[in-house]
Structure formats: C-alpha cells, structure tokens
PDB file of N, CA and C in Angstrom:
ATOM      1  N   UNK A   1     -13.668  47.772-149.115  1.00  0.00           N
ATOM      2  CA  UNK A   1     -13.972  47.494-150.490  1.00  0.00           C
ATOM      3  C   UNK A   1     -14.736  46.182-150.639  1.00  0.00           C
ATOM      4  N   UNK A   2     -14.427  45.219-149.789  1.00  0.00           N
ATOM      5  CA  UNK A   2     -15.091  43.918-149.899  1.00  0.00           C
ATOM      6  C   UNK A   2     -16.587  44.044-149.614  1.00  0.00           C
ATOM      7  N   UNK A   3     -16.930  44.822-148.601  1.00  0.00           N
ATOM      8  CA  UNK A   3     -18.346  44.993-148.273  1.00  0.00           C
ATOM      9  C   UNK A   3     -19.074  45.793-149.349  1.00  0.00           C
ATOM     10  N   UNK A   4     -18.410  46.760-149.926  1.00  0.00           N
ATOM     11  CA  UNK A   4     -19.003  47.530-151.018  1.00  0.00           C
ATOM     12  C   UNK A   4     -19.256  46.633-152.223  1.00  0.00           C
ATOM     13  N   UNK A   5     -18.291  45.789-152.537  1.00  0.00           N
ATOM     14  CA  UNK A   5     -18.458  44.857-153.642  1.00  0.00           C
ATOM     15  C   UNK A   5     -19.582  43.871-153.406  1.00  0.00           C
ATOM     16  N   UNK A   6     -19.687  43.377-152.172  1.00  0.00           N
ATOM     17  CA  UNK A   6     -20.769  42.453-151.842  1.00  0.00           C
ATOM     18  C   UNK A   6     -22.123  43.130-151.993  1.00  0.00           C
ATOM     19  N   UNK A   7     -22.246  44.328-151.481  1.00  0.00           N
ATOM     20  CA  UNK A   7     -23.518  45.049-151.563  1.00  0.00           C
ATOM     21  C   UNK A   7     -23.889  45.364-153.009  1.00  0.00           C
ATOM     22  N   UNK A   8     -22.933  45.836-153.791  1.00  0.00           N
ATOM     23  CA  UNK A   8     -23.219  46.143-155.199  1.00  0.00           C
ATOM     24  C   UNK A   8     -23.599  44.886-155.973  1.00  0.00           C
ATOM     25  N   UNK A   9     -22.911  43.790-155.706  1.00  0.00           N
ATOM     26  CA  UNK A   9     -23.230  42.536-156.397  1.00  0.00           C
ATOM     27  C   UNK A   9     -24.624  42.051-156.039  1.00  0.00           C
ATOM     28  N   UNK A  10     -24.960  42.133-154.774  1.00  0.00           N
ATOM     29  CA  UNK A  10     -26.272  41.665-154.332  1.00  0.00           C
ATOM     30  C   UNK A  10     -27.392  42.520-154.914  1.00  0.00           C
ATOM     31  N   UNK A  11     -27.250  43.825-154.832  1.00  0.00           N
ATOM     32  CA  UNK A  11     -28.266  44.721-155.380  1.00  0.00           C
ATOM     33  C   UNK A  11     -28.336  44.574-156.896  1.00  0.00           C
ATOM     34  N   UNK A  12     -27.183  44.446-157.538  1.00  0.00           N
ATOM     35  CA  UNK A  12     -27.171  44.268-158.987  1.00  0.00           C
ATOM     36  C   UNK A  12     -27.825  42.976-159.419  1.00  0.00           C
ATOM     37  N   UNK A  13     -27.625  41.920-158.656  1.00  0.00           N
ATOM     38  CA  UNK A  13     -28.227  40.641-159.005  1.00  0.00           C
ATOM     39  C   UNK A  13     -29.743  40.680-158.847  1.00  0.00           C
ATOM     40  N   UNK A  14     -30.228  41.394-157.859  1.00  0.00           N
ATOM     41  CA  UNK A  14     -31.657  41.407-157.575  1.00  0.00           C
ATOM     42  C   UNK A  14     -32.444  42.450-158.361  1.00  0.00           C
ATOM     43  N   UNK A  15     -31.864  43.625-158.589  1.00  0.00           N
ATOM     44  CA  UNK A  15     -32.658  44.744-159.100  1.00  0.00           C
ATOM     45  C   UNK A  15     -32.165  45.378-160.392  1.00  0.00           C
ATOM     46  N   UNK A  16     -30.980  45.074-160.848  1.00  0.00           N
ATOM     47  CA  UNK A  16     -30.421  45.813-161.975  1.00  0.00           C
ATOM     48  C   UNK A  16     -30.606  45.054-163.291  1.00  0.00           C
ATOM     49  N   UNK A  17     -31.367  45.601-164.206  1.00  0.00           N
ATOM     50  CA  UNK A  17     -31.593  44.887-165.462  1.00  0.00           C
ATOM     51  C   UNK A  17     -30.411  44.971-166.434  1.00  0.00           C
ATOM     52  N   UNK A  18     -29.467  45.857-166.241  1.00  0.00           N
ATOM     53  CA  UNK A  18     -28.357  46.017-167.182  1.00  0.00           C
ATOM     54  C   UNK A  18     -27.031  45.446-166.678  1.00  0.00           C
ATOM     55  N   UNK A  19     -27.018  44.834-165.534  1.00  0.00           N
ATOM     56  CA  UNK A  19     -25.842  44.175-164.952  1.00  0.00           C
ATOM     57  C   UNK A  19     -24.710  45.142-164.635  1.00  0.00           C
ATOM     58  N   UNK A  20     -24.969  46.434-164.648  1.00  0.00           N
ATOM     59  CA  UNK A  20     -23.919  47.395-164.347  1.00  0.00           C
ATOM     60  C   UNK A  20     -23.461  47.275-162.901  1.00  0.00           C
ATOM     61  N   UNK A  21     -24.405  47.156-161.976  1.00  0.00           N
ATOM     62  CA  UNK A  21     -24.029  47.037-160.570  1.00  0.00           C
ATOM     63  C   UNK A  21     -23.326  45.715-160.280  1.00  0.00           C
ATOM     64  N   UNK A  22     -23.688  44.667-160.979  1.00  0.00           N
ATOM     65  CA  UNK A  22     -23.001  43.387-160.797  1.00  0.00           C
ATOM     66  C   UNK A  22     -21.551  43.473-161.262  1.00  0.00           C
ATOM     67  N   UNK A  23     -21.329  44.168-162.360  1.00  0.00           N
ATOM     68  CA  UNK A  23     -19.961  44.345-162.858  1.00  0.00           C
ATOM     69  C   UNK A  23     -19.156  45.205-161.898  1.00  0.00           C
ATOM     70  N   UNK A  24     -19.761  46.273-161.398  1.00  0.00           N
ATOM     71  CA  UNK A  24     -19.077  47.094-160.392  1.00  0.00           C
ATOM     72  C   UNK A  24     -18.801  46.293-159.123  1.00  0.00           C
ATOM     73  N   UNK A  25     -19.744  45.438-158.749  1.00  0.00           N
ATOM     74  CA  UNK A  25     -19.536  44.579-157.591  1.00  0.00           C
ATOM     75  C   UNK A  25     -18.368  43.633-157.784  1.00  0.00           C
ATOM     76  N   UNK A  26     -18.226  43.111-158.986  1.00  0.00           N
ATOM     77  CA  UNK A  26     -17.070  42.265-159.289  1.00  0.00           C
ATOM     78  C   UNK A  26     -15.768  43.033-159.140  1.00  0.00           C
ATOM     79  N   UNK A  27     -15.733  44.242-159.658  1.00  0.00           N
ATOM     80  CA  UNK A  27     -14.514  45.050-159.593  1.00  0.00           C
ATOM     81  C   UNK A  27     -14.170  45.386-158.141  1.00  0.00           C
ATOM     82  N   UNK A  28     -15.153  45.870-157.380  1.00  0.00           N
ATOM     83  CA  UNK A  28     -14.893  46.232-155.995  1.00  0.00           C
ATOM     84  C   UNK A  28     -14.523  45.007-155.155  1.00  0.00           C
ATOM     85  N   UNK A  29     -15.129  43.876-155.440  1.00  0.00           N
ATOM     86  CA  UNK A  29     -14.804  42.662-154.698  1.00  0.00           C
ATOM     87  C   UNK A  29     -13.397  42.181-155.028  1.00  0.00           C
ATOM     88  N   UNK A  30     -12.991  42.313-156.288  1.00  0.00           N
ATOM     89  CA  UNK A  30     -11.631  41.936-156.665  1.00  0.00           C
ATOM     90  C   UNK A  30     -10.603  42.835-155.972  1.00  0.00           C
ATOM     91  N   UNK A  31     -10.901  44.118-155.885  1.00  0.00           N
ATOM     92  CA  UNK A  31     -10.008  45.041-155.166  1.00  0.00           C
ATOM     93  C   UNK A  31      -9.977  44.683-153.680  1.00  0.00           C
ATOM     94  N   UNK A  32     -11.142  44.339-153.118  1.00  0.00           N
ATOM     95  CA  UNK A  32     -11.200  43.922-151.727  1.00  0.00           C
ATOM     96  C   UNK A  32     -10.440  42.638-151.473  1.00  0.00           C
ATOM     97  N   UNK A  33     -10.478  41.714-152.422  1.00  0.00           N
ATOM     98  CA  UNK A  33      -9.727  40.472-152.285  1.00  0.00           C
ATOM     99  C   UNK A  33      -8.226  40.739-152.310  1.00  0.00           C
ATOM    100  N   UNK A  34      -7.792  41.607-153.191  1.00  0.00           N
ATOM    101  CA  UNK A  34      -6.375  41.972-153.232  1.00  0.00           C
ATOM    102  C   UNK A  34      -5.956  42.660-151.939  1.00  0.00           C
ATOM    103  N   UNK A  35      -6.821  43.510-151.408  1.00  0.00           N
ATOM    104  CA  UNK A  35      -6.506  44.190-150.147  1.00  0.00           C
ATOM    105  C   UNK A  35      -6.476  43.206-148.988  1.00  0.00           C
ATOM    106  N   UNK A  36      -7.278  42.150-149.056  1.00  0.00           N
ATOM    107  CA  UNK A  36      -7.291  41.169-147.965  1.00  0.00           C
ATOM    108  C   UNK A  36      -5.961  40.433-147.888  1.00  0.00           C
ATOM    109  N   UNK A  37      -5.352  40.139-149.037  1.00  0.00           N
ATOM    110  CA  UNK A  37      -4.040  39.500-149.015  1.00  0.00           C
ATOM    111  C   UNK A  37      -2.981  40.440-148.444  1.00  0.00           C
ATOM    112  N   UNK A  38      -3.104  41.712-148.764  1.00  0.00           N
ATOM    113  CA  UNK A  38      -2.173  42.692-148.222  1.00  0.00           C
ATOM    114  C   UNK A  38      -2.332  42.820-146.709  1.00  0.00           C
ATOM    115  N   UNK A  39      -3.580  42.842-146.238  1.00  0.00           N
ATOM    116  CA  UNK A  39      -3.834  42.922-144.798  1.00  0.00           C
ATOM    117  C   UNK A  39      -3.328  41.686-144.079  1.00  0.00           C
ATOM    118  N   UNK A  40      -3.473  40.527-144.699  1.00  0.00           N
ATOM    119  CA  UNK A  40      -3.001  39.300-144.074  1.00  0.00           C
ATOM    120  C   UNK A  40      -1.481  39.309-143.930  1.00  0.00           C
ATOM    121  N   UNK A  41      -0.790  39.850-144.926  1.00  0.00           N
ATOM    122  CA  UNK A  41       0.666  39.914-144.838  1.00  0.00           C
ATOM    123  C   UNK A  41       1.129  40.880-143.757  1.00  0.00           C
ATOM    124  N   UNK A  42       0.277  41.834-143.397  1.00  0.00           N
ATOM    125  CA  UNK A  42       0.611  42.768-142.323  1.00  0.00           C
ATOM    126  C   UNK A  42       0.217  42.237-140.956  1.00  0.00           C
ATOM    127  N   UNK A  43      -0.436  41.076-140.926  1.00  0.00           N
ATOM    128  CA  UNK A  43      -0.785  40.454-139.653  1.00  0.00           C
ATOM    129  C   UNK A  43      -2.166  40.785-139.130  1.00  0.00           C
ATOM    130  N   UNK A  44      -3.040  41.295-139.962  1.00  0.00           N
ATOM    131  CA  UNK A  44      -4.389  41.628-139.515  1.00  0.00           C
ATOM    132  C   UNK A  44      -5.190  40.351-139.279  1.00  0.00           C
ATOM    133  N   UNK A  45      -6.044  40.383-138.282  1.00  0.00           N
ATOM    134  CA  UNK A  45      -6.848  39.202-137.962  1.00  0.00           C
ATOM    135  C   UNK A  45      -8.076  39.089-138.857  1.00  0.00           C
ATOM    136  N   UNK A  46      -8.714  40.192-139.161  1.00  0.00           N
ATOM    137  CA  UNK A  46      -9.863  40.179-140.064  1.00  0.00           C
ATOM    138  C   UNK A  46      -9.452  40.848-141.368  1.00  0.00           C
ATOM    139  N   UNK A  47      -9.652  40.131-142.456  1.00  0.00           N
ATOM    140  CA  UNK A  47      -9.189  40.648-143.741  1.00  0.00           C
ATOM    141  C   UNK A  47     -10.323  40.907-144.723  1.00  0.00           C
ATOM    142  N   UNK A  48     -11.476  40.266-144.563  1.00  0.00           N
ATOM    143  CA  UNK A  48     -12.584  40.443-145.485  1.00  0.00           C
ATOM    144  C   UNK A  48     -12.497  39.563-146.707  1.00  0.00           C
ATOM    145  N   UNK A  49     -11.655  38.542-146.657  1.00  0.00           N
ATOM    146  CA  UNK A  49     -11.484  37.667-147.814  1.00  0.00           C
ATOM    147  C   UNK A  49     -12.770  36.903-148.138  1.00  0.00           C
ATOM    148  N   UNK A  50     -13.460  36.429-147.135  1.00  0.00           N
ATOM    149  CA  UNK A  50     -14.705  35.707-147.364  1.00  0.00           C
ATOM    150  C   UNK A  50     -15.777  36.597-147.963  1.00  0.00           C
ATOM    151  N   UNK A  51     -15.866  37.808-147.462  1.00  0.00           N
ATOM    152  CA  UNK A  51     -16.842  38.767-147.986  1.00  0.00           C
ATOM    153  C   UNK A  51     -16.543  39.093-149.443  1.00  0.00           C
ATOM    154  N   UNK A  52     -15.265  39.264-149.756  1.00  0.00           N
ATOM    155  CA  UNK A  52     -14.886  39.550-151.141  1.00  0.00           C
ATOM    156  C   UNK A  52     -15.194  38.359-152.042  1.00  0.00           C
ATOM    157  N   UNK A  53     -14.965  37.160-151.546  1.00  0.00           N
ATOM    158  CA  UNK A  53     -15.271  35.964-152.336  1.00  0.00           C
ATOM    159  C   UNK A  53     -16.747  35.824-152.633  1.00  0.00           C
ATOM    160  N   UNK A  54     -17.576  36.101-151.639  1.00  0.00           N
ATOM    161  CA  UNK A  54     -19.025  36.049-151.855  1.00  0.00           C
ATOM    162  C   UNK A  54     -19.456  37.148-152.818  1.00  0.00           C
ATOM    163  N   UNK A  55     -18.856  38.323-152.717  1.00  0.00           N
ATOM    164  CA  UNK A  55     -19.165  39.409-153.659  1.00  0.00           C
ATOM    165  C   UNK A  55     -18.807  39.045-155.085  1.00  0.00           C
ATOM    166  N   UNK A  56     -17.678  38.369-155.269  1.00  0.00           N
ATOM    167  CA  UNK A  56     -17.286  37.927-156.608  1.00  0.00           C
ATOM    168  C   UNK A  56     -18.276  36.885-157.128  1.00  0.00           C
ATOM    169  N   UNK A  57     -18.637  35.943-156.273  1.00  0.00           N
ATOM    170  CA  UNK A  57     -19.576  34.894-156.685  1.00  0.00           C
ATOM    171  C   UNK A  57     -20.930  35.492-157.074  1.00  0.00           C
ATOM    172  N   UNK A  58     -21.452  36.410-156.256  1.00  0.00           N
ATOM    173  CA  UNK A  58     -22.738  37.028-156.571  1.00  0.00           C
ATOM    174  C   UNK A  58     -22.651  37.897-157.824  1.00  0.00           C
ATOM    175  N   UNK A  59     -21.523  38.553-158.019  1.00  0.00           N
ATOM    176  CA  UNK A  59     -21.340  39.350-159.231  1.00  0.00           C
ATOM    177  C   UNK A  59     -21.343  38.492-160.479  1.00  0.00           C
ATOM    178  N   UNK A  60     -20.680  37.348-160.408  1.00  0.00           N
ATOM    179  CA  UNK A  60     -20.662  36.426-161.549  1.00  0.00           C
ATOM    180  C   UNK A  60     -22.062  35.887-161.814  1.00  0.00           C
ATOM    181  N   UNK A  61     -22.784  35.542-160.746  1.00  0.00           N
ATOM    182  CA  UNK A  61     -24.157  35.054-160.914  1.00  0.00           C
ATOM    183  C   UNK A  61     -25.043  36.139-161.519  1.00  0.00           C
ATOM    184  N   UNK A  62     -24.891  37.374-161.055  1.00  0.00           N
ATOM    185  CA  UNK A  62     -25.681  38.476-161.600  1.00  0.00           C
ATOM    186  C   UNK A  62     -25.417  38.709-163.077  1.00  0.00           C
ATOM    187  N   UNK A  63     -24.156  38.665-163.489  1.00  0.00           N
ATOM    188  CA  UNK A  63     -23.820  38.844-164.904  1.00  0.00           C
ATOM    189  C   UNK A  63     -24.334  37.656-165.715  1.00  0.00           C
ATOM    190  N   UNK A  64     -24.208  36.453-165.167  1.00  0.00           N
ATOM    191  CA  UNK A  64     -24.696  35.263-165.865  1.00  0.00           C
ATOM    192  C   UNK A  64     -26.215  35.313-166.041  1.00  0.00           C
ATOM    193  N   UNK A  65     -26.927  35.742-165.014  1.00  0.00           N
ATOM    194  CA  UNK A  65     -28.382  35.878-165.135  1.00  0.00           C
ATOM    195  C   UNK A  65     -28.756  36.914-166.190  1.00  0.00           C
ATOM    196  N   UNK A  66     -28.015  38.006-166.220  1.00  0.00           N
ATOM    197  CA  UNK A  66     -28.262  39.033-167.218  1.00  0.00           C
ATOM    198  C   UNK A  66     -28.058  38.472-168.624  1.00  0.00           C
ATOM    199  N   UNK A  67     -26.950  37.763-168.825  1.00  0.00           N
ATOM    200  CA  UNK A  67     -26.673  37.202-170.150  1.00  0.00           C
ATOM    201  C   UNK A  67     -27.694  36.137-170.520  1.00  0.00           C
ATOM    202  N   UNK A  68     -28.129  35.360-169.555  1.00  0.00           N
ATOM    203  CA  UNK A  68     -29.115  34.321-169.810  1.00  0.00           C
ATOM    204  C   UNK A  68     -30.457  34.940-170.227  1.00  0.00           C
ATOM    205  N   UNK A  69     -30.823  36.037-169.572  1.00  0.00           N
ATOM    206  CA  UNK A  69     -32.079  36.697-169.921  1.00  0.00           C
ATOM    207  C   UNK A  69     -32.001  37.391-171.282  1.00  0.00           C
ATOM    208  N   UNK A  70     -30.844  37.880-171.656  1.00  0.00           N
ATOM    209  CA  UNK A  70     -30.671  38.547-172.945  1.00  0.00           C
ATOM    210  C   UNK A  70     -30.717  37.527-174.083  1.00  0.00           C
ATOM    211  N   UNK A  71     -30.052  36.409-173.875  1.00  0.00           N
ATOM    212  CA  UNK A  71     -29.973  35.413-174.958  1.00  0.00           C
ATOM    213  C   UNK A  71     -31.113  34.491-174.829  1.00  0.00           C
TER     214      UNK A  71
END
C-alpha cells in the first residue's frame, strides 16, 4: 500500500489537474503507514514506513498545489 500511495501521489502531483490522484495517494499512504506499524510489531525488518511518509508528503504537496492554482 505504501508504494501504491507514493506512486499515486507522485503522478497526481505532476499530471492530475483535479487532485484526485493526490487524494487517493494520501489515503493509500495512510493505510500503508498503519500497516507499517503493524508489521513492525510483528518483527518485520522492512515495513515501508519511509515510503508511506514520502507518499503522504507528496500527496499534501499535490493537494496544496491544486488549491493554490484554484485560488
């Protein structure tokens, strides 16, 4: 989920004029972040927390750019 969120956020930030993909990227990245905490509690070495964090950051930037261009 973290990689899906990162990809959607990145594509949404670069190519989507309606911020729909950025919003979806935020949602998928948030789900990936929640899953990373669950994986960490199970003892997994790679959790995807960094990828989810970058996806959230890019999603927020994409939505902010959309709002800035609208207003």
